[in-house]
N, C-alpha and C. Protein backbone atom coordinates (compact mmCIF):
# COMPACT_ATOMS: atom_id res chain seq x y z
N MET A 1 0.10 -53.72 37.10
CA MET A 1 -1.14 -53.38 36.48
C MET A 1 -0.95 -52.23 35.48
N LYS A 2 -0.17 -51.22 35.89
CA LYS A 2 0.08 -50.09 35.00
C LYS A 2 0.90 -50.52 33.80
N ALA A 3 1.82 -51.42 33.99
CA ALA A 3 2.65 -51.89 32.89
C ALA A 3 1.81 -52.64 31.86
N GLN A 4 0.83 -53.40 32.32
CA GLN A 4 -0.03 -54.14 31.40
C GLN A 4 -0.89 -53.18 30.58
N ARG A 5 -1.36 -52.11 31.19
CA ARG A 5 -2.17 -51.13 30.46
C ARG A 5 -1.33 -50.41 29.41
N LYS A 6 -0.11 -50.04 29.77
CA LYS A 6 0.77 -49.38 28.81
C LYS A 6 1.08 -50.31 27.65
N ALA A 7 1.34 -51.57 27.94
CA ALA A 7 1.64 -52.54 26.89
C ALA A 7 0.42 -52.73 25.98
N LEU A 8 -0.77 -52.76 26.56
CA LEU A 8 -1.99 -52.91 25.77
C LEU A 8 -2.21 -51.68 24.88
N ALA A 9 -1.93 -50.50 25.40
CA ALA A 9 -2.10 -49.28 24.63
C ALA A 9 -1.11 -49.24 23.46
N VAL A 10 0.14 -49.63 23.71
CA VAL A 10 1.15 -49.64 22.65
C VAL A 10 0.76 -50.65 21.58
N ARG A 11 0.31 -51.84 21.98
CA ARG A 11 -0.11 -52.86 21.01
C ARG A 11 -1.30 -52.38 20.19
N SER A 12 -2.24 -51.70 20.83
CA SER A 12 -3.42 -51.20 20.11
C SER A 12 -3.03 -50.16 19.07
N VAL A 13 -2.13 -49.26 19.44
CA VAL A 13 -1.68 -48.23 18.51
C VAL A 13 -0.95 -48.87 17.33
N LEU A 14 -0.07 -49.82 17.59
CA LEU A 14 0.65 -50.49 16.51
C LEU A 14 -0.31 -51.25 15.60
N PHE A 15 -1.31 -51.90 16.19
CA PHE A 15 -2.29 -52.64 15.40
C PHE A 15 -3.07 -51.69 14.49
N LEU A 16 -3.50 -50.55 15.03
CA LEU A 16 -4.25 -49.58 14.22
C LEU A 16 -3.39 -48.98 13.11
N CYS A 17 -2.12 -48.72 13.40
CA CYS A 17 -1.22 -48.21 12.35
C CYS A 17 -1.05 -49.22 11.24
N GLY A 18 -0.90 -50.47 11.58
CA GLY A 18 -0.77 -51.51 10.57
C GLY A 18 -2.05 -51.65 9.77
N LEU A 19 -3.19 -51.55 10.43
CA LEU A 19 -4.47 -51.67 9.75
C LEU A 19 -4.68 -50.51 8.77
N ILE A 20 -4.31 -49.32 9.17
CA ILE A 20 -4.47 -48.15 8.30
C ILE A 20 -3.54 -48.24 7.09
N SER A 21 -2.33 -48.72 7.28
CA SER A 21 -1.40 -48.82 6.14
C SER A 21 -1.85 -49.87 5.14
N VAL A 22 -2.52 -50.91 5.58
CA VAL A 22 -3.00 -51.96 4.68
C VAL A 22 -4.23 -51.50 3.92
N CYS A 23 -5.07 -50.70 4.55
CA CYS A 23 -6.34 -50.29 3.94
C CYS A 23 -6.18 -49.11 2.99
N GLY A 24 -5.04 -48.52 2.86
CA GLY A 24 -4.84 -47.35 2.02
C GLY A 24 -4.91 -47.69 0.55
N PRO A 25 -4.92 -46.67 -0.32
CA PRO A 25 -4.98 -46.91 -1.76
C PRO A 25 -3.66 -47.47 -2.28
N ASN A 26 -3.76 -48.13 -3.43
CA ASN A 26 -2.58 -48.68 -4.09
C ASN A 26 -1.92 -47.57 -4.88
N VAL A 27 -0.87 -47.02 -4.38
CA VAL A 27 -0.18 -45.92 -5.04
C VAL A 27 1.06 -46.47 -5.73
N ARG A 28 1.16 -46.15 -7.03
CA ARG A 28 2.35 -46.58 -7.76
C ARG A 28 3.27 -45.39 -7.95
N ALA A 29 4.52 -45.63 -7.90
CA ALA A 29 5.49 -44.56 -8.13
C ALA A 29 5.50 -44.23 -9.62
N GLN A 30 5.66 -42.96 -9.95
CA GLN A 30 5.69 -42.55 -11.34
C GLN A 30 7.03 -42.92 -11.96
N THR A 31 6.95 -43.30 -13.21
CA THR A 31 8.18 -43.63 -13.91
C THR A 31 8.76 -42.36 -14.52
N GLU A 32 10.00 -42.45 -14.92
CA GLU A 32 10.65 -41.29 -15.52
C GLU A 32 10.03 -40.93 -16.86
N GLU A 33 9.57 -41.93 -17.60
CA GLU A 33 9.00 -41.68 -18.92
C GLU A 33 7.72 -40.85 -18.81
N SER A 34 6.87 -41.18 -17.85
CA SER A 34 5.63 -40.42 -17.73
C SER A 34 5.91 -38.97 -17.33
N THR A 35 6.91 -38.77 -16.52
CA THR A 35 7.26 -37.41 -16.11
C THR A 35 7.79 -36.61 -17.29
N LYS A 36 8.62 -37.23 -18.12
CA LYS A 36 9.17 -36.53 -19.28
C LYS A 36 8.09 -36.20 -20.30
N THR A 37 7.18 -37.13 -20.57
CA THR A 37 6.13 -36.86 -21.56
C THR A 37 5.18 -35.79 -21.04
N TRP A 38 4.92 -35.79 -19.74
CA TRP A 38 4.02 -34.76 -19.20
C TRP A 38 4.66 -33.38 -19.33
N ALA A 39 5.94 -33.27 -19.01
CA ALA A 39 6.62 -31.99 -19.11
C ALA A 39 6.67 -31.52 -20.56
N ALA A 40 6.88 -32.43 -21.49
CA ALA A 40 6.96 -32.05 -22.90
C ALA A 40 5.60 -31.57 -23.40
N THR A 41 4.53 -32.23 -23.01
CA THR A 41 3.21 -31.79 -23.48
C THR A 41 2.81 -30.47 -22.85
N SER A 42 3.18 -30.24 -21.60
CA SER A 42 2.78 -28.99 -20.97
C SER A 42 3.52 -27.80 -21.58
N ILE A 43 4.74 -27.99 -22.01
CA ILE A 43 5.49 -26.89 -22.63
C ILE A 43 4.94 -26.63 -24.03
N ARG A 44 4.60 -27.68 -24.76
CA ARG A 44 4.06 -27.49 -26.09
C ARG A 44 2.68 -26.86 -26.06
N GLY A 45 1.91 -27.10 -25.00
CA GLY A 45 0.54 -26.61 -24.94
C GLY A 45 0.41 -25.16 -24.56
N VAL A 46 1.49 -24.51 -24.19
CA VAL A 46 1.42 -23.11 -23.78
C VAL A 46 1.33 -22.23 -25.01
N SER A 47 0.39 -21.29 -24.98
CA SER A 47 0.22 -20.37 -26.10
C SER A 47 0.25 -18.95 -25.56
N THR A 48 0.94 -18.09 -26.28
CA THR A 48 1.00 -16.69 -25.86
C THR A 48 -0.04 -15.85 -26.59
N GLU A 49 -0.77 -16.43 -27.52
CA GLU A 49 -1.77 -15.69 -28.27
C GLU A 49 -3.05 -15.56 -27.45
N LYS A 50 -3.75 -14.45 -27.67
CA LYS A 50 -5.03 -14.27 -27.00
C LYS A 50 -6.08 -15.12 -27.72
N PRO A 51 -7.03 -15.67 -26.98
CA PRO A 51 -8.09 -16.43 -27.65
C PRO A 51 -8.97 -15.48 -28.46
N ALA A 52 -9.59 -16.04 -29.48
CA ALA A 52 -10.46 -15.24 -30.34
C ALA A 52 -11.66 -14.75 -29.54
N ALA A 53 -12.12 -13.55 -29.86
CA ALA A 53 -13.26 -12.98 -29.13
C ALA A 53 -14.52 -13.80 -29.38
N GLU A 54 -14.70 -14.25 -30.58
CA GLU A 54 -15.86 -15.09 -30.92
C GLU A 54 -15.36 -16.50 -31.20
N TRP A 55 -14.93 -17.16 -30.16
CA TRP A 55 -14.31 -18.48 -30.27
C TRP A 55 -15.29 -19.54 -30.76
N TRP A 56 -16.57 -19.35 -30.55
CA TRP A 56 -17.54 -20.37 -30.93
C TRP A 56 -17.71 -20.46 -32.44
N ASN A 57 -17.28 -19.45 -33.17
CA ASN A 57 -17.37 -19.51 -34.63
C ASN A 57 -16.41 -20.53 -35.22
N SER A 58 -15.39 -20.91 -34.46
CA SER A 58 -14.44 -21.90 -34.97
C SER A 58 -15.06 -23.28 -35.08
N PHE A 59 -16.22 -23.51 -34.43
CA PHE A 59 -16.90 -24.80 -34.54
C PHE A 59 -17.77 -24.89 -35.79
N HIS A 60 -18.03 -23.76 -36.44
CA HIS A 60 -18.86 -23.70 -37.65
C HIS A 60 -20.22 -24.34 -37.40
N ASP A 61 -20.81 -24.02 -36.28
CA ASP A 61 -22.12 -24.56 -35.91
C ASP A 61 -23.10 -23.40 -35.84
N GLU A 62 -24.08 -23.40 -36.76
CA GLU A 62 -25.04 -22.30 -36.82
C GLU A 62 -25.92 -22.25 -35.57
N GLU A 63 -26.28 -23.41 -35.06
CA GLU A 63 -27.14 -23.44 -33.87
C GLU A 63 -26.41 -22.87 -32.65
N LEU A 64 -25.14 -23.22 -32.49
CA LEU A 64 -24.36 -22.68 -31.38
C LEU A 64 -24.23 -21.16 -31.50
N THR A 65 -23.97 -20.68 -32.71
CA THR A 65 -23.86 -19.24 -32.93
C THR A 65 -25.17 -18.55 -32.62
N ARG A 66 -26.29 -19.15 -33.05
CA ARG A 66 -27.61 -18.57 -32.80
C ARG A 66 -27.92 -18.55 -31.31
N LEU A 67 -27.60 -19.63 -30.61
CA LEU A 67 -27.86 -19.70 -29.17
C LEU A 67 -27.03 -18.68 -28.39
N ILE A 68 -25.79 -18.53 -28.76
CA ILE A 68 -24.94 -17.56 -28.05
C ILE A 68 -25.40 -16.14 -28.34
N SER A 69 -25.80 -15.86 -29.58
CA SER A 69 -26.31 -14.52 -29.90
C SER A 69 -27.57 -14.22 -29.11
N ARG A 70 -28.46 -15.21 -29.00
CA ARG A 70 -29.69 -15.02 -28.22
C ARG A 70 -29.39 -14.84 -26.74
N ALA A 71 -28.43 -15.60 -26.23
CA ALA A 71 -28.07 -15.48 -24.82
C ALA A 71 -27.46 -14.12 -24.51
N VAL A 72 -26.63 -13.63 -25.41
CA VAL A 72 -26.01 -12.32 -25.19
C VAL A 72 -27.07 -11.22 -25.26
N ALA A 73 -28.02 -11.35 -26.19
CA ALA A 73 -29.05 -10.32 -26.34
C ALA A 73 -30.01 -10.29 -25.15
N ASN A 74 -30.33 -11.44 -24.59
CA ASN A 74 -31.33 -11.52 -23.52
C ASN A 74 -30.74 -11.63 -22.13
N ASN A 75 -29.45 -11.59 -22.01
CA ASN A 75 -28.82 -11.76 -20.70
C ASN A 75 -28.74 -10.41 -20.00
N LEU A 76 -29.61 -10.21 -19.02
CA LEU A 76 -29.64 -8.93 -18.31
C LEU A 76 -28.41 -8.77 -17.43
N ASP A 77 -27.91 -9.87 -16.89
CA ASP A 77 -26.70 -9.78 -16.07
C ASP A 77 -25.52 -9.29 -16.89
N LEU A 78 -25.44 -9.75 -18.12
CA LEU A 78 -24.35 -9.32 -19.00
C LEU A 78 -24.49 -7.84 -19.34
N ARG A 79 -25.73 -7.41 -19.58
CA ARG A 79 -25.95 -5.98 -19.85
C ARG A 79 -25.60 -5.15 -18.62
N LEU A 80 -25.98 -5.65 -17.46
CA LEU A 80 -25.67 -4.94 -16.22
C LEU A 80 -24.16 -4.86 -16.01
N ALA A 81 -23.47 -5.95 -16.30
CA ALA A 81 -22.00 -5.95 -16.16
C ALA A 81 -21.38 -4.96 -17.14
N ALA A 82 -21.89 -4.91 -18.36
CA ALA A 82 -21.36 -3.95 -19.33
C ALA A 82 -21.64 -2.51 -18.88
N ALA A 83 -22.81 -2.29 -18.30
CA ALA A 83 -23.12 -0.95 -17.78
C ALA A 83 -22.21 -0.58 -16.62
N ARG A 84 -21.88 -1.55 -15.79
CA ARG A 84 -20.97 -1.29 -14.68
C ARG A 84 -19.57 -0.97 -15.18
N VAL A 85 -19.16 -1.64 -16.24
CA VAL A 85 -17.85 -1.34 -16.82
C VAL A 85 -17.83 0.09 -17.35
N ASP A 86 -18.92 0.48 -18.04
CA ASP A 86 -19.01 1.86 -18.54
C ASP A 86 -19.01 2.86 -17.39
N GLU A 87 -19.74 2.52 -16.31
CA GLU A 87 -19.79 3.41 -15.15
C GLU A 87 -18.41 3.54 -14.50
N ALA A 88 -17.69 2.44 -14.42
CA ALA A 88 -16.35 2.48 -13.83
C ALA A 88 -15.40 3.31 -14.69
N ARG A 89 -15.53 3.19 -16.00
CA ARG A 89 -14.70 3.99 -16.89
C ARG A 89 -15.00 5.48 -16.73
N ALA A 90 -16.29 5.81 -16.60
CA ALA A 90 -16.66 7.22 -16.41
C ALA A 90 -16.14 7.74 -15.07
N ALA A 91 -16.24 6.92 -14.02
CA ALA A 91 -15.74 7.33 -12.71
C ALA A 91 -14.22 7.52 -12.74
N ARG A 92 -13.55 6.67 -13.50
CA ARG A 92 -12.10 6.83 -13.64
C ARG A 92 -11.77 8.14 -14.35
N GLY A 93 -12.56 8.48 -15.37
CA GLY A 93 -12.35 9.74 -16.07
C GLY A 93 -12.57 10.94 -15.17
N VAL A 94 -13.59 10.86 -14.32
CA VAL A 94 -13.84 11.95 -13.38
C VAL A 94 -12.70 12.06 -12.39
N ALA A 95 -12.22 10.92 -11.90
CA ALA A 95 -11.11 10.95 -10.93
C ALA A 95 -9.83 11.48 -11.58
N LYS A 96 -9.59 11.11 -12.83
CA LYS A 96 -8.39 11.60 -13.51
C LYS A 96 -8.48 13.09 -13.80
N SER A 97 -9.70 13.62 -13.94
CA SER A 97 -9.84 15.03 -14.27
C SER A 97 -9.39 15.94 -13.13
N ALA A 98 -9.28 15.41 -11.93
CA ALA A 98 -8.81 16.22 -10.80
C ALA A 98 -7.34 16.61 -10.97
N PHE A 99 -6.60 15.86 -11.78
CA PHE A 99 -5.19 16.15 -11.99
C PHE A 99 -4.95 17.19 -13.09
N TYR A 100 -5.99 17.51 -13.85
CA TYR A 100 -5.86 18.49 -14.92
C TYR A 100 -6.16 19.88 -14.38
N PRO A 101 -5.60 20.92 -15.00
CA PRO A 101 -5.92 22.27 -14.55
C PRO A 101 -7.38 22.61 -14.87
N SER A 102 -7.95 23.48 -14.06
CA SER A 102 -9.34 23.85 -14.28
C SER A 102 -9.43 25.35 -14.54
N VAL A 103 -10.42 25.74 -15.30
CA VAL A 103 -10.63 27.13 -15.64
C VAL A 103 -12.02 27.50 -15.15
N GLY A 104 -12.13 28.61 -14.46
CA GLY A 104 -13.42 29.04 -13.96
C GLY A 104 -13.65 30.51 -14.25
N VAL A 105 -14.89 30.89 -14.50
CA VAL A 105 -15.25 32.27 -14.79
C VAL A 105 -16.43 32.62 -13.90
N THR A 106 -16.34 33.75 -13.22
CA THR A 106 -17.47 34.24 -12.43
C THR A 106 -17.68 35.70 -12.74
N THR A 107 -18.92 36.14 -12.71
CA THR A 107 -19.26 37.54 -12.91
C THR A 107 -20.24 37.96 -11.83
N SER A 108 -20.23 39.23 -11.53
CA SER A 108 -21.20 39.76 -10.58
C SER A 108 -21.43 41.24 -10.89
N ALA A 109 -22.60 41.70 -10.54
CA ALA A 109 -22.95 43.11 -10.75
C ALA A 109 -23.77 43.56 -9.55
N GLU A 110 -23.64 44.85 -9.23
CA GLU A 110 -24.36 45.38 -8.08
C GLU A 110 -24.77 46.81 -8.39
N ARG A 111 -25.97 47.16 -7.98
CA ARG A 111 -26.46 48.51 -8.22
C ARG A 111 -27.00 49.05 -6.91
N LEU A 112 -26.67 50.29 -6.60
CA LEU A 112 -27.08 50.89 -5.34
C LEU A 112 -27.61 52.30 -5.61
N ARG A 113 -28.82 52.54 -5.14
CA ARG A 113 -29.42 53.87 -5.28
C ARG A 113 -29.68 54.43 -3.89
N GLU A 114 -29.29 55.68 -3.67
CA GLU A 114 -29.54 56.34 -2.39
C GLU A 114 -30.38 57.59 -2.64
N ARG A 115 -31.23 57.84 -1.69
CA ARG A 115 -32.03 59.06 -1.77
C ARG A 115 -31.25 60.18 -1.08
N VAL A 116 -31.07 61.24 -1.75
CA VAL A 116 -30.31 62.36 -1.21
C VAL A 116 -31.18 63.22 -0.28
N ALA A 117 -32.44 63.32 -0.55
CA ALA A 117 -33.33 64.19 0.21
C ALA A 117 -33.83 63.54 1.49
N ALA A 118 -33.44 62.34 1.79
CA ALA A 118 -33.93 61.65 2.98
C ALA A 118 -33.29 62.22 4.23
N PHE A 119 -33.99 62.03 5.37
CA PHE A 119 -33.47 62.52 6.64
C PHE A 119 -32.31 61.63 7.07
N ASN A 120 -31.16 62.24 7.30
CA ASN A 120 -29.98 61.50 7.73
C ASN A 120 -29.39 62.26 8.91
N PRO A 121 -29.57 61.73 10.13
CA PRO A 121 -29.10 62.49 11.28
C PRO A 121 -27.60 62.55 11.40
N GLY A 122 -26.87 61.77 10.70
CA GLY A 122 -25.43 61.79 10.80
C GLY A 122 -24.92 60.62 11.63
N VAL A 123 -23.64 60.49 11.65
CA VAL A 123 -23.04 59.35 12.33
C VAL A 123 -23.02 59.55 13.83
N ASN A 124 -22.73 60.74 14.30
CA ASN A 124 -22.55 60.98 15.73
C ASN A 124 -23.80 61.47 16.43
N ALA A 125 -24.91 61.45 15.79
CA ALA A 125 -26.14 61.94 16.43
C ALA A 125 -26.64 60.90 17.42
N PRO A 126 -26.76 61.27 18.71
CA PRO A 126 -27.24 60.29 19.69
C PRO A 126 -28.75 60.13 19.60
N THR A 127 -29.22 58.94 19.86
CA THR A 127 -30.66 58.69 19.86
C THR A 127 -31.23 58.79 21.26
N PHE A 128 -30.41 58.95 22.27
CA PHE A 128 -30.85 59.17 23.65
C PHE A 128 -29.96 60.24 24.26
N HIS A 129 -30.41 60.81 25.34
CA HIS A 129 -29.63 61.85 26.00
C HIS A 129 -28.62 61.19 26.91
N PRO A 130 -27.40 61.66 26.90
CA PRO A 130 -26.38 61.06 27.75
C PRO A 130 -26.59 61.44 29.22
N VAL A 131 -27.51 60.76 29.82
CA VAL A 131 -27.80 60.97 31.24
C VAL A 131 -27.21 59.80 31.99
N GLU A 132 -26.76 60.09 33.18
CA GLU A 132 -26.18 59.00 33.95
C GLU A 132 -27.27 58.01 34.29
N LEU A 133 -27.05 56.77 33.92
CA LEU A 133 -28.08 55.77 34.10
C LEU A 133 -28.09 55.20 35.51
N ASN A 134 -26.97 55.23 36.17
CA ASN A 134 -26.90 54.68 37.52
C ASN A 134 -27.02 55.84 38.51
N ASN A 135 -28.19 56.04 39.02
CA ASN A 135 -28.44 57.15 39.93
C ASN A 135 -28.26 56.74 41.38
N PHE A 136 -27.88 55.61 41.68
CA PHE A 136 -27.75 55.15 43.06
C PHE A 136 -26.39 55.32 43.60
């Protein structure tokens, strides 16, 4: 009984593997020519130049230029991002200033007036009589 179950399980697994391999996509192996042409185009397409800052002007389309100008002027997120860049630059300047020497100047003045005619009992004058406090 156990042998029949094992045989049925093995047959089921083999059947499912065969079914999956038949139902898969039709994949063709790449030829050498396609690989060579792809490599040649990818090497030719590499550019070390930076793209133009106003790349949309290369299309010579007035409407596109007008739309981008309007979007830049009314885009609050872009303004916020530019403000954040300015804030980060200022914070960097403040952080870099800690490495520079600093110069500080302080001044102070003090005036003291004493009355000479005032009653001054002196330093050693007791304010109480030296009587023994513990009489017990």
